[in-house]
All heavy atoms as atom14 arrays in JSON, in Angstrom:
{
  "sequence": "STPKPLRDALPTARQHTESIDFVSPALSTFWGRPIHMRGWVLLPPGY",
  "atom14_mask": [
    [1, 1, 1, 1, 1, 1, 0, 0, 0, 0, 0, 0, 0, 0],
    [1, 1, 1, 1, 1, 1, 1, 0, 0, 0, 0, 0, 0, 0],
    [1, 1, 1, 1, 1, 1, 1, 0, 0, 0, 0, 0, 0, 0],
    [1, 1, 1, 1, 1, 1, 1, 1, 1, 0, 0, 0, 0, 0],
    [1, 1, 1, 1, 1, 1, 1, 0, 0, 0, 0, 0, 0, 0],
    [1, 1, 1, 1, 1, 1, 1, 1, 0, 0, 0, 0, 0, 0],
    [1, 1, 1, 1, 1, 1, 1, 1, 1, 1, 1, 0, 0, 0],
    [1, 1, 1, 1, 1, 1, 1, 1, 0, 0, 0, 0, 0, 0],
    [1, 1, 1, 1, 1, 0, 0, 0, 0, 0, 0, 0, 0, 0],
    [1, 1, 1, 1, 1, 1, 1, 1, 0, 0, 0, 0, 0, 0],
    [1, 1, 1, 1, 1, 1, 1, 0, 0, 0, 0, 0, 0, 0],
    [1, 1, 1, 1, 1, 1, 1, 0, 0, 0, 0, 0, 0, 0],
    [1, 1, 1, 1, 1, 0, 0, 0, 0, 0, 0, 0, 0, 0],
    [1, 1, 1, 1, 1, 1, 1, 1, 1, 1, 1, 0, 0, 0],
    [1, 1, 1, 1, 1, 1, 1, 1, 1, 0, 0, 0, 0, 0],
    [1, 1, 1, 1, 1, 1, 1, 1, 1, 1, 0, 0, 0, 0],
    [1, 1, 1, 1, 1, 1, 1, 0, 0, 0, 0, 0, 0, 0],
    [1, 1, 1, 1, 1, 1, 1, 1, 1, 0, 0, 0, 0, 0],
    [1, 1, 1, 1, 1, 1, 0, 0, 0, 0, 0, 0, 0, 0],
    [1, 1, 1, 1, 1, 1, 1, 1, 0, 0, 0, 0, 0, 0],
    [1, 1, 1, 1, 1, 1, 1, 1, 0, 0, 0, 0, 0, 0],
    [1, 1, 1, 1, 1, 1, 1, 1, 1, 1, 1, 0, 0, 0],
    [1, 1, 1, 1, 1, 1, 1, 0, 0, 0, 0, 0, 0, 0],
    [1, 1, 1, 1, 1, 1, 0, 0, 0, 0, 0, 0, 0, 0],
    [1, 1, 1, 1, 1, 1, 1, 0, 0, 0, 0, 0, 0, 0],
    [1, 1, 1, 1, 1, 0, 0, 0, 0, 0, 0, 0, 0, 0],
    [1, 1, 1, 1, 1, 1, 1, 1, 0, 0, 0, 0, 0, 0],
    [1, 1, 1, 1, 1, 1, 0, 0, 0, 0, 0, 0, 0, 0],
    [1, 1, 1, 1, 1, 1, 1, 0, 0, 0, 0, 0, 0, 0],
    [1, 1, 1, 1, 1, 1, 1, 1, 1, 1, 1, 0, 0, 0],
    [1, 1, 1, 1, 1, 1, 1, 1, 1, 1, 1, 1, 1, 1],
    [1, 1, 1, 1, 0, 0, 0, 0, 0, 0, 0, 0, 0, 0],
    [1, 1, 1, 1, 1, 1, 1, 1, 1, 1, 1, 0, 0, 0],
    [1, 1, 1, 1, 1, 1, 1, 0, 0, 0, 0, 0, 0, 0],
    [1, 1, 1, 1, 1, 1, 1, 1, 0, 0, 0, 0, 0, 0],
    [1, 1, 1, 1, 1, 1, 1, 1, 1, 1, 0, 0, 0, 0],
    [1, 1, 1, 1, 1, 1, 1, 1, 0, 0, 0, 0, 0, 0],
    [1, 1, 1, 1, 1, 1, 1, 1, 1, 1, 1, 0, 0, 0],
    [1, 1, 1, 1, 0, 0, 0, 0, 0, 0, 0, 0, 0, 0],
    [1, 1, 1, 1, 1, 1, 1, 1, 1, 1, 1, 1, 1, 1],
    [1, 1, 1, 1, 1, 1, 1, 0, 0, 0, 0, 0, 0, 0],
    [1, 1, 1, 1, 1, 1, 1, 1, 0, 0, 0, 0, 0, 0],
    [1, 1, 1, 1, 1, 1, 1, 1, 0, 0, 0, 0, 0, 0],
    [1, 1, 1, 1, 1, 1, 1, 0, 0, 0, 0, 0, 0, 0],
    [1, 1, 1, 1, 1, 1, 1, 0, 0, 0, 0, 0, 0, 0],
    [1, 1, 1, 1, 0, 0, 0, 0, 0, 0, 0, 0, 0, 0],
    [1, 1, 1, 1, 1, 1, 1, 1, 1, 1, 1, 1, 0, 0]
  ],
  "atom14_positions": [
    [[8.98, -12.7, 46.81], [8.27, -12.39, 48.06], [7.55, -11.04, 48.01], [6.87, -10.66, 48.97], [9.25, -12.4, 49.23], [10.25, -11.4, 49.07], [0.0, 0.0, 0.0], [0.0, 0.0, 0.0], [0.0, 0.0, 0.0], [0.0, 0.0, 0.0], [0.0, 0.0, 0.0], [0.0, 0.0, 0.0], [0.0, 0.0, 0.0], [0.0, 0.0, 0.0]],
    [[7.68, -10.3, 46.9], [7.02, -9.01, 46.78], [5.51, -9.19, 46.83], [4.95, -10.04, 46.13], [7.41, -8.33, 45.44], [8.83, -8.19, 45.38], [6.75, -6.96, 45.32], [0.0, 0.0, 0.0], [0.0, 0.0, 0.0], [0.0, 0.0, 0.0], [0.0, 0.0, 0.0], [0.0, 0.0, 0.0], [0.0, 0.0, 0.0], [0.0, 0.0, 0.0]],
    [[4.82, -8.39, 47.65], [3.35, -8.5, 47.75], [2.68, -8.32, 46.4], [3.15, -7.57, 45.54], [2.97, -7.38, 48.72], [4.22, -7.15, 49.53], [5.36, -7.4, 48.59], [0.0, 0.0, 0.0], [0.0, 0.0, 0.0], [0.0, 0.0, 0.0], [0.0, 0.0, 0.0], [0.0, 0.0, 0.0], [0.0, 0.0, 0.0], [0.0, 0.0, 0.0]],
    [[1.56, -9.0, 46.22], [0.85, -8.98, 44.94], [0.45, -7.57, 44.49], [0.58, -7.24, 43.3], [-0.39, -9.87, 45.0], [-1.11, -10.02, 43.66], [-2.27, -10.98, 43.75], [-2.91, -11.22, 42.38], [-3.4, -9.98, 41.75], [0.0, 0.0, 0.0], [0.0, 0.0, 0.0], [0.0, 0.0, 0.0], [0.0, 0.0, 0.0], [0.0, 0.0, 0.0]],
    [[-0.04, -6.69, 45.39], [-0.38, -5.33, 44.94], [0.78, -4.6, 44.27], [0.59, -3.87, 43.29], [-0.81, -4.63, 46.23], [-1.31, -5.73, 47.1], [-0.41, -6.89, 46.81], [0.0, 0.0, 0.0], [0.0, 0.0, 0.0], [0.0, 0.0, 0.0], [0.0, 0.0, 0.0], [0.0, 0.0, 0.0], [0.0, 0.0, 0.0], [0.0, 0.0, 0.0]],
    [[1.99, -4.81, 44.79], [3.16, -4.17, 44.17], [3.51, -4.83, 42.85], [3.9, -4.15, 41.88], [4.35, -4.21, 45.12], [4.25, -3.34, 46.38], [5.53, -3.43, 47.19], [3.96, -1.88, 46.02], [0.0, 0.0, 0.0], [0.0, 0.0, 0.0], [0.0, 0.0, 0.0], [0.0, 0.0, 0.0], [0.0, 0.0, 0.0], [0.0, 0.0, 0.0]],
    [[3.37, -6.15, 42.78], [3.64, -6.83, 41.52], [2.66, -6.37, 40.45], [3.02, -6.19, 39.28], [3.55, -8.34, 41.71], [4.51, -8.89, 42.75], [4.46, -10.41, 42.84], [5.1, -10.99, 41.67], [6.4, -11.18, 41.54], [7.21, -10.83, 42.53], [6.9, -11.71, 40.45], [0.0, 0.0, 0.0], [0.0, 0.0, 0.0], [0.0, 0.0, 0.0]],
    [[1.41, -6.15, 40.85], [0.39, -5.68, 39.91], [0.67, -4.25, 39.45], [0.3, -3.86, 38.34], [-0.99, -5.76, 40.55], [-1.44, -7.2, 40.79], [-0.86, -8.12, 40.18], [-2.37, -7.4, 41.6], [0.0, 0.0, 0.0], [0.0, 0.0, 0.0], [0.0, 0.0, 0.0], [0.0, 0.0, 0.0], [0.0, 0.0, 0.0], [0.0, 0.0, 0.0]],
    [[1.34, -3.47, 40.32], [1.61, -2.06, 39.99], [2.83, -1.89, 39.1], [3.05, -0.81, 38.54], [1.81, -1.26, 41.28], [0.0, 0.0, 0.0], [0.0, 0.0, 0.0], [0.0, 0.0, 0.0], [0.0, 0.0, 0.0], [0.0, 0.0, 0.0], [0.0, 0.0, 0.0], [0.0, 0.0, 0.0], [0.0, 0.0, 0.0], [0.0, 0.0, 0.0]],
    [[3.62, -2.95, 38.94], [4.88, -2.84, 38.19], [4.71, -2.32, 36.77], [5.42, -1.38, 36.37], [5.59, -4.19, 38.18], [6.85, -4.29, 37.31], [7.91, -3.3, 37.78], [7.42, -5.71, 37.34], [0.0, 0.0, 0.0], [0.0, 0.0, 0.0], [0.0, 0.0, 0.0], [0.0, 0.0, 0.0], [0.0, 0.0, 0.0], [0.0, 0.0, 0.0]],
    [[3.79, -2.86, 35.96], [3.7, -2.38, 34.57], [3.41, -0.88, 34.46], [4.02, -0.18, 33.65], [2.56, -3.21, 33.98], [2.51, -4.45, 34.83], [2.87, -3.99, 36.2], [0.0, 0.0, 0.0], [0.0, 0.0, 0.0], [0.0, 0.0, 0.0], [0.0, 0.0, 0.0], [0.0, 0.0, 0.0], [0.0, 0.0, 0.0], [0.0, 0.0, 0.0]],
    [[2.5, -0.39, 35.3], [2.16, 1.04, 35.24], [3.31, 1.89, 35.76], [3.61, 2.96, 35.2], [0.89, 1.33, 36.05], [-0.13, 0.42, 35.66], [0.41, 2.74, 35.81], [0.0, 0.0, 0.0], [0.0, 0.0, 0.0], [0.0, 0.0, 0.0], [0.0, 0.0, 0.0], [0.0, 0.0, 0.0], [0.0, 0.0, 0.0], [0.0, 0.0, 0.0]],
    [[3.95, 1.44, 36.83], [5.1, 2.18, 37.36], [6.19, 2.28, 36.31], [6.82, 3.35, 36.14], [5.63, 1.48, 38.61], [0.0, 0.0, 0.0], [0.0, 0.0, 0.0], [0.0, 0.0, 0.0], [0.0, 0.0, 0.0], [0.0, 0.0, 0.0], [0.0, 0.0, 0.0], [0.0, 0.0, 0.0], [0.0, 0.0, 0.0], [0.0, 0.0, 0.0]],
    [[6.39, 1.21, 35.58], [7.44, 1.21, 34.55], [7.1, 2.19, 33.43], [8.0, 2.85, 32.89], [7.59, -0.2, 33.99], [8.79, -0.39, 33.08], [9.02, -1.85, 32.77], [10.17, -2.05, 31.91], [10.63, -3.22, 31.53], [10.03, -4.34, 31.94], [11.69, -3.31, 30.73], [0.0, 0.0, 0.0], [0.0, 0.0, 0.0], [0.0, 0.0, 0.0]],
    [[5.83, 2.32, 33.12], [5.42, 3.27, 32.08], [5.69, 4.72, 32.48], [5.86, 5.58, 31.63], [3.93, 3.09, 31.78], [3.58, 1.78, 31.1], [2.08, 1.57, 30.96], [1.28, 2.46, 31.3], [1.67, 0.41, 30.46], [0.0, 0.0, 0.0], [0.0, 0.0, 0.0], [0.0, 0.0, 0.0], [0.0, 0.0, 0.0], [0.0, 0.0, 0.0]],
    [[5.71, 4.97, 33.77], [5.93, 6.34, 34.27], [7.38, 6.57, 34.7], [7.67, 7.57, 35.36], [4.98, 6.62, 35.44], [3.56, 6.8, 35.02], [2.73, 5.74, 34.71], [2.82, 7.92, 34.83], [1.54, 6.19, 34.38], [1.56, 7.51, 34.42], [0.0, 0.0, 0.0], [0.0, 0.0, 0.0], [0.0, 0.0, 0.0], [0.0, 0.0, 0.0]],
    [[8.25, 5.65, 34.33], [9.66, 5.76, 34.7], [10.52, 5.89, 33.44], [10.34, 5.16, 32.48], [10.11, 4.52, 35.49], [9.26, 4.34, 36.63], [11.54, 4.67, 35.96], [0.0, 0.0, 0.0], [0.0, 0.0, 0.0], [0.0, 0.0, 0.0], [0.0, 0.0, 0.0], [0.0, 0.0, 0.0], [0.0, 0.0, 0.0], [0.0, 0.0, 0.0]],
    [[11.44, 6.84, 33.47], [12.35, 7.05, 32.34], [13.79, 6.94, 32.82], [14.11, 7.33, 33.94], [12.09, 8.42, 31.7], [10.67, 8.57, 31.16], [10.45, 9.89, 30.45], [11.44, 10.67, 30.31], [9.31, 10.16, 30.05], [0.0, 0.0, 0.0], [0.0, 0.0, 0.0], [0.0, 0.0, 0.0], [0.0, 0.0, 0.0], [0.0, 0.0, 0.0]],
    [[14.63, 6.38, 31.98], [16.02, 6.15, 32.36], [16.87, 7.41, 32.19], [16.58, 8.27, 31.36], [16.62, 5.01, 31.55], [16.72, 5.38, 30.18], [0.0, 0.0, 0.0], [0.0, 0.0, 0.0], [0.0, 0.0, 0.0], [0.0, 0.0, 0.0], [0.0, 0.0, 0.0], [0.0, 0.0, 0.0], [0.0, 0.0, 0.0], [0.0, 0.0, 0.0]],
    [[17.91, 7.48, 33.0], [18.92, 8.54, 32.89], [20.21, 7.89, 32.41], [20.68, 6.91, 33.0], [19.18, 9.21, 34.25], [17.92, 9.89, 34.79], [20.32, 10.21, 34.14], [18.07, 10.38, 36.23], [0.0, 0.0, 0.0], [0.0, 0.0, 0.0], [0.0, 0.0, 0.0], [0.0, 0.0, 0.0], [0.0, 0.0, 0.0], [0.0, 0.0, 0.0]],
    [[20.74, 8.39, 31.34], [22.06, 7.96, 30.85], [22.73, 9.2, 30.28], [22.63, 9.52, 29.1], [21.92, 6.87, 29.8], [23.26, 6.25, 29.43], [24.29, 6.79, 29.86], [23.27, 5.24, 28.71], [0.0, 0.0, 0.0], [0.0, 0.0, 0.0], [0.0, 0.0, 0.0], [0.0, 0.0, 0.0], [0.0, 0.0, 0.0], [0.0, 0.0, 0.0]],
    [[23.42, 9.91, 31.16], [23.99, 11.22, 30.84], [25.51, 11.14, 30.87], [26.1, 10.71, 31.85], [23.49, 12.25, 31.87], [24.11, 13.61, 31.74], [23.69, 14.49, 30.74], [25.1, 14.03, 32.62], [24.26, 15.76, 30.63], [25.67, 15.29, 32.51], [25.25, 16.16, 31.51], [0.0, 0.0, 0.0], [0.0, 0.0, 0.0], [0.0, 0.0, 0.0]],
    [[26.13, 11.54, 29.79], [27.6, 11.57, 29.73], [28.07, 12.91, 30.29], [27.78, 13.97, 29.73], [28.11, 11.37, 28.29], [29.63, 11.47, 28.27], [27.66, 10.01, 27.76], [0.0, 0.0, 0.0], [0.0, 0.0, 0.0], [0.0, 0.0, 0.0], [0.0, 0.0, 0.0], [0.0, 0.0, 0.0], [0.0, 0.0, 0.0], [0.0, 0.0, 0.0]],
    [[28.79, 12.85, 31.39], [29.24, 14.06, 32.08], [30.51, 14.62, 31.45], [31.53, 13.91, 31.39], [29.5, 13.76, 33.55], [30.31, 14.75, 34.15], [0.0, 0.0, 0.0], [0.0, 0.0, 0.0], [0.0, 0.0, 0.0], [0.0, 0.0, 0.0], [0.0, 0.0, 0.0], [0.0, 0.0, 0.0], [0.0, 0.0, 0.0], [0.0, 0.0, 0.0]],
    [[30.5, 15.88, 31.0], [31.74, 16.48, 30.48], [32.84, 16.54, 31.53], [34.0, 16.25, 31.24], [31.29, 17.88, 30.05], [29.82, 17.74, 29.76], [29.32, 16.75, 30.78], [0.0, 0.0, 0.0], [0.0, 0.0, 0.0], [0.0, 0.0, 0.0], [0.0, 0.0, 0.0], [0.0, 0.0, 0.0], [0.0, 0.0, 0.0], [0.0, 0.0, 0.0]],
    [[32.48, 16.92, 32.77], [33.5, 17.08, 33.82], [34.14, 15.74, 34.17], [35.37, 15.63, 34.28], [32.89, 17.72, 35.06], [0.0, 0.0, 0.0], [0.0, 0.0, 0.0], [0.0, 0.0, 0.0], [0.0, 0.0, 0.0], [0.0, 0.0, 0.0], [0.0, 0.0, 0.0], [0.0, 0.0, 0.0], [0.0, 0.0, 0.0], [0.0, 0.0, 0.0]],
    [[33.32, 14.71, 34.36], [33.85, 13.39, 34.71], [34.61, 12.77, 33.54], [35.63, 12.09, 33.74], [32.72, 12.48, 35.16], [32.1, 12.81, 36.52], [30.79, 12.06, 36.71], [33.08, 12.49, 37.65], [0.0, 0.0, 0.0], [0.0, 0.0, 0.0], [0.0, 0.0, 0.0], [0.0, 0.0, 0.0], [0.0, 0.0, 0.0], [0.0, 0.0, 0.0]],
    [[34.14, 13.0, 32.33], [34.81, 12.46, 31.16], [36.18, 13.1, 30.97], [37.15, 12.43, 30.59], [33.95, 12.67, 29.91], [32.7, 12.0, 30.03], [0.0, 0.0, 0.0], [0.0, 0.0, 0.0], [0.0, 0.0, 0.0], [0.0, 0.0, 0.0], [0.0, 0.0, 0.0], [0.0, 0.0, 0.0], [0.0, 0.0, 0.0], [0.0, 0.0, 0.0]],
    [[36.27, 14.37, 31.27], [37.56, 15.05, 31.21], [38.52, 14.49, 32.25], [39.7, 14.25, 31.98], [37.39, 16.57, 31.41], [36.58, 17.1, 30.35], [38.74, 17.27, 31.43], [0.0, 0.0, 0.0], [0.0, 0.0, 0.0], [0.0, 0.0, 0.0], [0.0, 0.0, 0.0], [0.0, 0.0, 0.0], [0.0, 0.0, 0.0], [0.0, 0.0, 0.0]],
    [[38.0, 14.25, 33.45], [38.82, 13.73, 34.54], [39.38, 12.36, 34.18], [40.57, 12.08, 34.39], [37.99, 13.64, 35.83], [38.73, 13.06, 37.0], [39.47, 13.87, 37.85], [38.69, 11.69, 37.27], [40.17, 13.33, 38.92], [39.38, 11.14, 38.34], [40.12, 11.98, 39.18], [0.0, 0.0, 0.0], [0.0, 0.0, 0.0], [0.0, 0.0, 0.0]],
    [[38.54, 11.47, 33.63], [38.95, 10.1, 33.36], [39.55, 9.9, 31.97], [40.17, 8.88, 31.69], [37.76, 9.16, 33.54], [37.43, 8.91, 34.98], [36.43, 9.49, 35.71], [38.11, 8.02, 35.87], [36.44, 9.01, 37.01], [37.47, 8.1, 37.12], [39.2, 7.16, 35.73], [37.87, 7.35, 38.23], [39.62, 6.42, 36.84], [38.96, 6.52, 38.07]],
    [[39.35, 10.85, 31.08], [39.88, 10.71, 29.73], [39.08, 9.76, 28.86], [39.58, 9.26, 27.84], [0.0, 0.0, 0.0], [0.0, 0.0, 0.0], [0.0, 0.0, 0.0], [0.0, 0.0, 0.0], [0.0, 0.0, 0.0], [0.0, 0.0, 0.0], [0.0, 0.0, 0.0], [0.0, 0.0, 0.0], [0.0, 0.0, 0.0], [0.0, 0.0, 0.0]],
    [[37.85, 9.49, 29.24], [36.93, 8.63, 28.48], [35.51, 8.97, 28.9], [35.3, 9.59, 29.95], [37.23, 7.15, 28.76], [37.17, 6.75, 30.22], [37.57, 5.31, 30.43], [37.69, 4.95, 31.84], [36.69, 4.59, 32.62], [35.45, 4.51, 32.11], [36.88, 4.26, 33.89], [0.0, 0.0, 0.0], [0.0, 0.0, 0.0], [0.0, 0.0, 0.0]],
    [[34.52, 8.6, 28.11], [33.13, 8.94, 28.46], [32.7, 8.28, 29.77], [32.83, 7.07, 29.94], [32.32, 8.4, 27.28], [33.29, 8.3, 26.15], [34.6, 7.96, 26.77], [0.0, 0.0, 0.0], [0.0, 0.0, 0.0], [0.0, 0.0, 0.0], [0.0, 0.0, 0.0], [0.0, 0.0, 0.0], [0.0, 0.0, 0.0], [0.0, 0.0, 0.0]],
    [[32.22, 9.09, 30.69], [31.71, 8.6, 31.97], [30.21, 8.9, 32.05], [29.79, 10.05, 31.9], [32.44, 9.25, 33.16], [33.92, 8.89, 33.13], [31.8, 8.8, 34.48], [34.23, 7.41, 33.28], [0.0, 0.0, 0.0], [0.0, 0.0, 0.0], [0.0, 0.0, 0.0], [0.0, 0.0, 0.0], [0.0, 0.0, 0.0], [0.0, 0.0, 0.0]],
    [[29.43, 7.86, 32.28], [27.98, 7.98, 32.29], [27.45, 8.15, 33.71], [27.88, 7.43, 34.63], [27.34, 6.74, 31.66], [27.67, 6.56, 30.21], [26.74, 6.75, 29.2], [28.83, 6.22, 29.59], [27.31, 6.52, 28.03], [28.58, 6.2, 28.24], [0.0, 0.0, 0.0], [0.0, 0.0, 0.0], [0.0, 0.0, 0.0], [0.0, 0.0, 0.0]],
    [[26.51, 9.05, 33.88], [25.75, 9.17, 35.12], [24.39, 8.52, 34.84], [23.7, 8.91, 33.88], [25.59, 10.63, 35.54], [26.91, 11.36, 35.69], [26.71, 13.09, 36.24], [26.34, 12.85, 37.98], [0.0, 0.0, 0.0], [0.0, 0.0, 0.0], [0.0, 0.0, 0.0], [0.0, 0.0, 0.0], [0.0, 0.0, 0.0], [0.0, 0.0, 0.0]],
    [[24.03, 7.55, 35.67], [22.83, 6.77, 35.38], [21.83, 6.82, 36.53], [22.17, 7.1, 37.67], [23.21, 5.32, 35.08], [24.01, 5.14, 33.8], [24.21, 3.66, 33.46], [24.73, 3.48, 32.12], [26.01, 3.41, 31.79], [26.92, 3.51, 32.75], [26.4, 3.24, 30.55], [0.0, 0.0, 0.0], [0.0, 0.0, 0.0], [0.0, 0.0, 0.0]],
    [[20.59, 6.53, 36.19], [19.54, 6.5, 37.19], [18.18, 6.39, 36.54], [18.06, 6.0, 35.36], [0.0, 0.0, 0.0], [0.0, 0.0, 0.0], [0.0, 0.0, 0.0], [0.0, 0.0, 0.0], [0.0, 0.0, 0.0], [0.0, 0.0, 0.0], [0.0, 0.0, 0.0], [0.0, 0.0, 0.0], [0.0, 0.0, 0.0], [0.0, 0.0, 0.0]],
    [[17.15, 6.76, 37.3], [15.77, 6.69, 36.82], [15.0, 7.93, 37.28], [15.24, 8.45, 38.37], [15.07, 5.45, 37.36], [15.74, 4.16, 37.03], [16.62, 3.46, 37.82], [15.61, 3.4, 35.82], [17.04, 2.33, 37.17], [16.44, 2.25, 35.96], [14.86, 3.56, 34.65], [16.54, 1.29, 34.96], [14.97, 2.61, 33.66], [15.79, 1.48, 33.82]],
    [[14.07, 8.37, 36.46], [13.14, 9.45, 36.83], [11.75, 8.84, 36.89], [11.24, 8.32, 35.89], [13.16, 10.6, 35.81], [12.11, 11.65, 36.17], [14.55, 11.24, 35.75], [0.0, 0.0, 0.0], [0.0, 0.0, 0.0], [0.0, 0.0, 0.0], [0.0, 0.0, 0.0], [0.0, 0.0, 0.0], [0.0, 0.0, 0.0], [0.0, 0.0, 0.0]],
    [[11.14, 8.91, 38.07], [9.76, 8.44, 38.25], [8.84, 9.66, 38.29], [8.98, 10.53, 39.16], [9.63, 7.65, 39.55], [8.21, 7.22, 39.94], [7.6, 6.29, 38.89], [8.19, 6.57, 41.33], [0.0, 0.0, 0.0], [0.0, 0.0, 0.0], [0.0, 0.0, 0.0], [0.0, 0.0, 0.0], [0.0, 0.0, 0.0], [0.0, 0.0, 0.0]],
    [[7.92, 9.71, 37.35], [6.99, 10.83, 37.24], [5.71, 10.52, 38.01], [5.25, 9.37, 38.03], [6.68, 11.11, 35.77], [7.91, 11.41, 34.91], [7.55, 11.47, 33.44], [8.56, 12.72, 35.36], [0.0, 0.0, 0.0], [0.0, 0.0, 0.0], [0.0, 0.0, 0.0], [0.0, 0.0, 0.0], [0.0, 0.0, 0.0], [0.0, 0.0, 0.0]],
    [[5.1, 11.52, 38.64], [3.92, 11.27, 39.48], [2.66, 11.02, 38.65], [2.62, 11.35, 37.45], [3.79, 12.56, 40.28], [4.37, 13.61, 39.38], [5.5, 12.94, 38.64], [0.0, 0.0, 0.0], [0.0, 0.0, 0.0], [0.0, 0.0, 0.0], [0.0, 0.0, 0.0], [0.0, 0.0, 0.0], [0.0, 0.0, 0.0], [0.0, 0.0, 0.0]],
    [[1.64, 10.44, 39.26], [0.36, 10.26, 38.55], [-0.17, 11.6, 38.04], [-0.11, 12.61, 38.74], [-0.56, 9.67, 39.63], [0.38, 9.05, 40.62], [1.6, 9.9, 40.62], [0.0, 0.0, 0.0], [0.0, 0.0, 0.0], [0.0, 0.0, 0.0], [0.0, 0.0, 0.0], [0.0, 0.0, 0.0], [0.0, 0.0, 0.0], [0.0, 0.0, 0.0]],
    [[-0.66, 11.6, 36.82], [-1.21, 12.82, 36.25], [-0.19, 13.75, 35.64], [-0.54, 14.83, 35.15], [0.0, 0.0, 0.0], [0.0, 0.0, 0.0], [0.0, 0.0, 0.0], [0.0, 0.0, 0.0], [0.0, 0.0, 0.0], [0.0, 0.0, 0.0], [0.0, 0.0, 0.0], [0.0, 0.0, 0.0], [0.0, 0.0, 0.0], [0.0, 0.0, 0.0]],
    [[1.07, 13.34, 35.63], [2.11, 14.2, 35.07], [1.84, 14.44, 33.58], [1.58, 13.51, 32.82], [3.48, 13.56, 35.24], [4.62, 14.36, 34.65], [5.25, 15.35, 35.4], [5.06, 14.13, 33.34], [6.3, 16.09, 34.86], [6.11, 14.86, 32.8], [6.72, 15.84, 33.56], [7.76, 16.58, 33.02], [0.0, 0.0, 0.0], [0.0, 0.0, 0.0]]
  ]
}
């Protein structure tokens, strides 16, 4: 159901998005195993 303009923007948006996969020392110490903090960074046009 996503509008066509947004569907058309997906490839370019994806090119300007980078993943976050960071292993936290503090959380890993707490749990006794590697704990990942995850997310995405979206960079603005012209970055």
